[in-house]
Amino acid sequence: MPNRTVHLAVGGVIGAAAAGVRAHIGATEYVLPEALGGAVGGMIGAWLPDALDPPNHPHHRGIGHGCAALMGVGFFMVNSSATVDRLRSMAEKLRAQAGALRPDDQLRAVLLDAVGLLALVLAGSITGMGVGYASHLVMDGTTPKGLPLIGLADA
């Protein structure tokens, strides 16, 4: 049965890969910050099912581990595209503003670039969180206990 370390490692790797691919498909030149955000988001997403349903007994599969939760993650991923696009657009605008500043205003330029970079990391973390959560459920679904349909039965 996968433990926390396995869930976090797999979630981080899958989150980074998914966010990097999404950034590449989105034709952004900043794949690395989004992949980094995807790794962090993937680890958070992989941790969430056990945060919702603590593994303090063998039958800890509550609503956070149900197939309904997996469908909710799919809904989240489909509807997160607009948010990711807005974050990328904000990052581009901030980088353009930073590039247009006078040479004597470099501190402001660095701050604008940093906030733009943070927006890209956040965009990647959104993708990573969804696939990290899904990876946890898929791994738990392969165990003998499996996943409950909704997660409200046998506690």
C-alpha atoms as a PDB file:
ATOM      1  CA  MET A   1       0.000   0.000   0.000  1.00  0.00           C
ATOM      2  CA  PRO A   2       1.438   3.437  -0.928  1.00  0.00           C
ATOM      3  CA  ASN A   3       2.517   5.514   2.038  1.00  0.00           C
ATOM      4  CA  ARG A   4       2.828   9.290   2.430  1.00  0.00           C
ATOM      5  CA  THR A   5       6.377   9.364   1.048  1.00  0.00           C
ATOM      6  CA  VAL A   6       5.350   7.494  -2.101  1.00  0.00           C
ATOM      7  CA  HIS A   7       2.250   9.662  -2.583  1.00  0.00           C
ATOM      8  CA  LEU A   8       4.248  12.886  -2.218  1.00  0.00           C
ATOM      9  CA  ALA A   9       7.061  11.746  -4.521  1.00  0.00           C
ATOM     10  CA  VAL A  10       4.727  10.523  -7.246  1.00  0.00           C
ATOM     11  CA  GLY A  11       2.492  13.586  -6.894  1.00  0.00           C
ATOM     12  CA  GLY A  12       5.485  15.925  -7.210  1.00  0.00           C
ATOM     13  CA  VAL A  13       6.904  14.195 -10.281  1.00  0.00           C
ATOM     14  CA  ILE A  14       3.546  13.879 -12.031  1.00  0.00           C
ATOM     15  CA  GLY A  15       2.621  17.448 -11.071  1.00  0.00           C
ATOM     16  CA  ALA A  16       5.859  18.819 -12.521  1.00  0.00           C
ATOM     17  CA  ALA A  17       5.449  16.813 -15.714  1.00  0.00           C
ATOM     18  CA  ALA A  18       1.800  17.790 -16.207  1.00  0.00           C
ATOM     19  CA  ALA A  19       2.439  21.481 -15.542  1.00  0.00           C
ATOM     20  CA  GLY A  20       5.474  21.461 -17.830  1.00  0.00           C
ATOM     21  CA  VAL A  21       3.508  19.829 -20.638  1.00  0.00           C
ATOM     22  CA  ARG A  22       0.597  22.228 -20.117  1.00  0.00           C
ATOM     23  CA  ALA A  23       3.000  25.178 -20.263  1.00  0.00           C
ATOM     24  CA  HIS A  24       4.627  23.830 -23.417  1.00  0.00           C
ATOM     25  CA  ILE A  25       1.251  23.272 -25.080  1.00  0.00           C
ATOM     26  CA  GLY A  26       0.208  26.749 -23.965  1.00  0.00           C
ATOM     27  CA  ALA A  27       3.152  28.089 -25.986  1.00  0.00           C
ATOM     28  CA  THR A  28       4.682  29.839 -23.015  1.00  0.00           C
ATOM     29  CA  GLU A  29       8.436  30.190 -22.932  1.00  0.00           C
ATOM     30  CA  TYR A  30       8.454  29.796 -19.162  1.00  0.00           C
ATOM     31  CA  VAL A  31       8.090  26.037 -18.784  1.00  0.00           C
ATOM     32  CA  LEU A  32      10.504  25.762 -15.850  1.00  0.00           C
ATOM     33  CA  PRO A  33       8.616  28.035 -13.383  1.00  0.00           C
ATOM     34  CA  GLU A  34       5.340  26.291 -14.183  1.00  0.00           C
ATOM     35  CA  ALA A  35       6.958  22.860 -13.810  1.00  0.00           C
ATOM     36  CA  LEU A  36       8.397  23.932 -10.443  1.00  0.00           C
ATOM     37  CA  GLY A  37       4.946  25.093  -9.364  1.00  0.00           C
ATOM     38  CA  GLY A  38       3.530  21.815 -10.641  1.00  0.00           C
ATOM     39  CA  ALA A  39       5.909  19.851  -8.427  1.00  0.00           C
ATOM     40  CA  VAL A  40       4.845  21.795  -5.335  1.00  0.00           C
ATOM     41  CA  GLY A  41       1.173  21.669  -6.284  1.00  0.00           C
ATOM     42  CA  GLY A  42       1.458  17.961  -7.048  1.00  0.00           C
ATOM     43  CA  MET A  43       2.824  17.261  -3.603  1.00  0.00           C
ATOM     44  CA  ILE A  44       0.062  19.312  -1.981  1.00  0.00           C
ATOM     45  CA  GLY A  45      -2.570  17.570  -4.086  1.00  0.00           C
ATOM     46  CA  ALA A  46      -1.130  14.152  -3.233  1.00  0.00           C
ATOM     47  CA  TRP A  47      -1.280  15.043   0.468  1.00  0.00           C
ATOM     48  CA  LEU A  48      -4.884  16.340   0.429  1.00  0.00           C
ATOM     49  CA  PRO A  49      -6.838  13.036   0.370  1.00  0.00           C
ATOM     50  CA  ASP A  50      -5.156  11.885   3.572  1.00  0.00           C
ATOM     51  CA  ALA A  51      -5.599  15.353   5.098  1.00  0.00           C
ATOM     52  CA  LEU A  52      -9.339  15.055   4.437  1.00  0.00           C
ATOM     53  CA  ASP A  53      -9.515  11.384   5.496  1.00  0.00           C
ATOM     54  CA  PRO A  54      -6.629  10.804   7.943  1.00  0.00           C
ATOM     55  CA  PRO A  55      -5.140   7.303   7.604  1.00  0.00           C
ATOM     56  CA  ASN A  56      -5.605   6.463  11.280  1.00  0.00           C
ATOM     57  CA  HIS A  57      -7.278   3.095  10.578  1.00  0.00           C
ATOM     58  CA  PRO A  58      -7.354   0.607   7.660  1.00  0.00           C
ATOM     59  CA  HIS A  59     -10.789   1.810   6.473  1.00  0.00           C
ATOM     60  CA  HIS A  60      -9.956   5.503   6.221  1.00  0.00           C
ATOM     61  CA  ARG A  61     -11.442   5.903   2.742  1.00  0.00           C
ATOM     62  CA  GLY A  62     -14.014   8.637   3.271  1.00  0.00           C
ATOM     63  CA  ILE A  63     -15.329  11.249   0.894  1.00  0.00           C
ATOM     64  CA  GLY A  64     -11.837  12.553   0.095  1.00  0.00           C
ATOM     65  CA  HIS A  65     -10.952   9.132  -1.325  1.00  0.00           C
ATOM     66  CA  GLY A  66     -14.172   8.449  -3.248  1.00  0.00           C
ATOM     67  CA  CYS A  67     -14.601   8.085  -6.988  1.00  0.00           C
ATOM     68  CA  ALA A  68     -16.803  11.183  -6.724  1.00  0.00           C
ATOM     69  CA  ALA A  69     -13.726  13.097  -5.542  1.00  0.00           C
ATOM     70  CA  LEU A  70     -11.846  11.873  -8.622  1.00  0.00           C
ATOM     71  CA  MET A  71     -14.623  13.207 -10.841  1.00  0.00           C
ATOM     72  CA  GLY A  72     -14.445  16.487  -8.944  1.00  0.00           C
ATOM     73  CA  VAL A  73     -10.725  16.690  -9.689  1.00  0.00           C
ATOM     74  CA  GLY A  74     -11.486  16.175 -13.379  1.00  0.00           C
ATOM     75  CA  PHE A  75     -14.024  19.012 -13.245  1.00  0.00           C
ATOM     76  CA  PHE A  76     -11.455  21.204 -11.478  1.00  0.00           C
ATOM     77  CA  MET A  77      -8.814  20.472 -14.134  1.00  0.00           C
ATOM     78  CA  VAL A  78     -11.143  21.253 -17.043  1.00  0.00           C
ATOM     79  CA  ASN A  79     -12.243  24.524 -15.463  1.00  0.00           C
ATOM     80  CA  SER A  80      -8.795  25.663 -14.341  1.00  0.00           C
ATOM     81  CA  SER A  81      -7.612  26.563 -17.843  1.00  0.00           C
ATOM     82  CA  ALA A  82      -9.018  30.096 -17.726  1.00  0.00           C
ATOM     83  CA  THR A  83      -7.288  30.790 -14.401  1.00  0.00           C
ATOM     84  CA  VAL A  84      -3.981  29.438 -15.703  1.00  0.00           C
ATOM     85  CA  ASP A  85      -4.316  31.607 -18.820  1.00  0.00           C
ATOM     86  CA  ARG A  86      -5.046  34.707 -16.707  1.00  0.00           C
ATOM     87  CA  LEU A  87      -1.979  34.065 -14.558  1.00  0.00           C
ATOM     88  CA  ARG A  88       0.192  33.683 -17.658  1.00  0.00           C
ATOM     89  CA  SER A  89      -1.234  36.898 -19.115  1.00  0.00           C
ATOM     90  CA  MET A  90      -0.528  38.734 -15.875  1.00  0.00           C
ATOM     91  CA  ALA A  91       3.057  37.440 -15.897  1.00  0.00           C
ATOM     92  CA  GLU A  92       3.564  38.649 -19.474  1.00  0.00           C
ATOM     93  CA  LYS A  93       2.190  42.109 -18.644  1.00  0.00           C
ATOM     94  CA  LEU A  94       4.415  42.384 -15.588  1.00  0.00           C
ATOM     95  CA  ARG A  95       7.487  41.359 -17.585  1.00  0.00           C
ATOM     96  CA  ALA A  96       6.614  43.929 -20.270  1.00  0.00           C
ATOM     97  CA  GLN A  97       6.225  46.635 -17.631  1.00  0.00           C
ATOM     98  CA  ALA A  98       9.553  45.659 -16.089  1.00  0.00           C
ATOM     99  CA  GLY A  99      11.268  45.835 -19.475  1.00  0.00           C
ATOM    100  CA  ALA A 100       9.855  49.291 -20.186  1.00  0.00           C
ATOM    101  CA  LEU A 101      11.226  50.888 -17.012  1.00  0.00           C
ATOM    102  CA  ARG A 102      14.109  53.332 -17.008  1.00  0.00           C
ATOM    103  CA  PRO A 103      17.539  51.975 -16.014  1.00  0.00           C
ATOM    104  CA  ASP A 104      17.429  53.923 -12.726  1.00  0.00           C
ATOM    105  CA  ASP A 105      14.269  52.037 -11.677  1.00  0.00           C
ATOM    106  CA  GLN A 106      15.784  48.552 -11.554  1.00  0.00           C
ATOM    107  CA  LEU A 107      14.439  47.647  -8.124  1.00  0.00           C
ATOM    108  CA  ARG A 108      10.899  48.069  -9.395  1.00  0.00           C
ATOM    109  CA  ALA A 109      11.777  46.034 -12.492  1.00  0.00           C
ATOM    110  CA  VAL A 110      13.137  43.195 -10.370  1.00  0.00           C
ATOM    111  CA  LEU A 111      10.011  43.236  -8.188  1.00  0.00           C
ATOM    112  CA  LEU A 112       7.725  43.170 -11.230  1.00  0.00           C
ATOM    113  CA  ASP A 113       9.701  40.263 -12.677  1.00  0.00           C
ATOM    114  CA  ALA A 114       9.522  38.414  -9.351  1.00  0.00           C
ATOM    115  CA  VAL A 115       5.744  38.824  -9.103  1.00  0.00           C
ATOM    116  CA  GLY A 116       5.419  37.677 -12.719  1.00  0.00           C
ATOM    117  CA  LEU A 117       7.520  34.626 -11.946  1.00  0.00           C
ATOM    118  CA  LEU A 118       5.374  33.897  -8.890  1.00  0.00           C
ATOM    119  CA  ALA A 119       2.249  34.060 -11.103  1.00  0.00           C
ATOM    120  CA  LEU A 120       3.777  31.410 -13.385  1.00  0.00           C
ATOM    121  CA  VAL A 121       4.664  29.188 -10.419  1.00  0.00           C
ATOM    122  CA  LEU A 122       1.090  29.546  -9.182  1.00  0.00           C
ATOM    123  CA  ALA A 123      -0.246  28.640 -12.651  1.00  0.00           C
ATOM    124  CA  GLY A 124       1.791  25.452 -12.555  1.00  0.00           C
ATOM    125  CA  SER A 125       0.712  24.644  -9.009  1.00  0.00           C
ATOM    126  CA  ILE A 126      -2.939  24.663 -10.068  1.00  0.00           C
ATOM    127  CA  THR A 127      -2.241  21.972 -12.643  1.00  0.00           C
ATOM    128  CA  GLY A 128       0.003  20.045 -10.263  1.00  0.00           C
ATOM    129  CA  MET A 129      -2.539  20.050  -7.468  1.00  0.00           C
ATOM    130  CA  GLY A 130      -5.194  18.408  -9.613  1.00  0.00           C
ATOM    131  CA  VAL A 131      -2.974  15.660 -11.002  1.00  0.00           C
ATOM    132  CA  GLY A 132      -1.337  15.124  -7.594  1.00  0.00           C
ATOM    133  CA  TYR A 133      -4.725  14.514  -5.997  1.00  0.00           C
ATOM    134  CA  ALA A 134      -5.687  12.195  -8.853  1.00  0.00           C
ATOM    135  CA  SER A 135      -2.405  10.282  -8.550  1.00  0.00           C
ATOM    136  CA  HIS A 136      -3.105   9.607  -4.868  1.00  0.00           C
ATOM    137  CA  LEU A 137      -6.556   8.242  -5.666  1.00  0.00           C
ATOM    138  CA  VAL A 138      -5.297   6.126  -8.559  1.00  0.00           C
ATOM    139  CA  MET A 139      -2.569   4.585  -6.385  1.00  0.00           C
ATOM    140  CA  ASP A 140      -5.035   3.911  -3.560  1.00  0.00           C
ATOM    141  CA  GLY A 141      -7.480   2.474  -6.074  1.00  0.00           C
ATOM    142  CA  THR A 142      -4.973  -0.251  -6.950  1.00  0.00           C
ATOM    143  CA  THR A 143      -4.881  -1.540  -3.357  1.00  0.00           C
ATOM    144  CA  PRO A 144      -7.167  -4.359  -2.132  1.00  0.00           C
ATOM    145  CA  LYS A 145      -9.346  -1.770  -0.344  1.00  0.00           C
ATOM    146  CA  GLY A 146      -9.853   0.166  -3.595  1.00  0.00           C
ATOM    147  CA  LEU A 147     -11.870   3.358  -3.710  1.00  0.00           C
ATOM    148  CA  PRO A 148     -15.449   3.790  -2.563  1.00  0.00           C
ATOM    149  CA  LEU A 149     -17.902   5.245  -5.058  1.00  0.00           C
ATOM    150  CA  ILE A 150     -18.735   8.268  -2.941  1.00  0.00           C
ATOM    151  CA  GLY A 151     -16.843   7.618   0.278  1.00  0.00           C
ATOM    152  CA  LEU A 152     -19.635   7.733   2.801  1.00  0.00           C
ATOM    153  CA  ALA A 153     -19.874   3.998   3.499  1.00  0.00           C
ATOM    154  CA  ASP A 154     -18.027   1.753   5.971  1.00  0.00           C
ATOM    155  CA  ALA A 155     -15.969   3.898   8.240  1.00  0.00           C
END
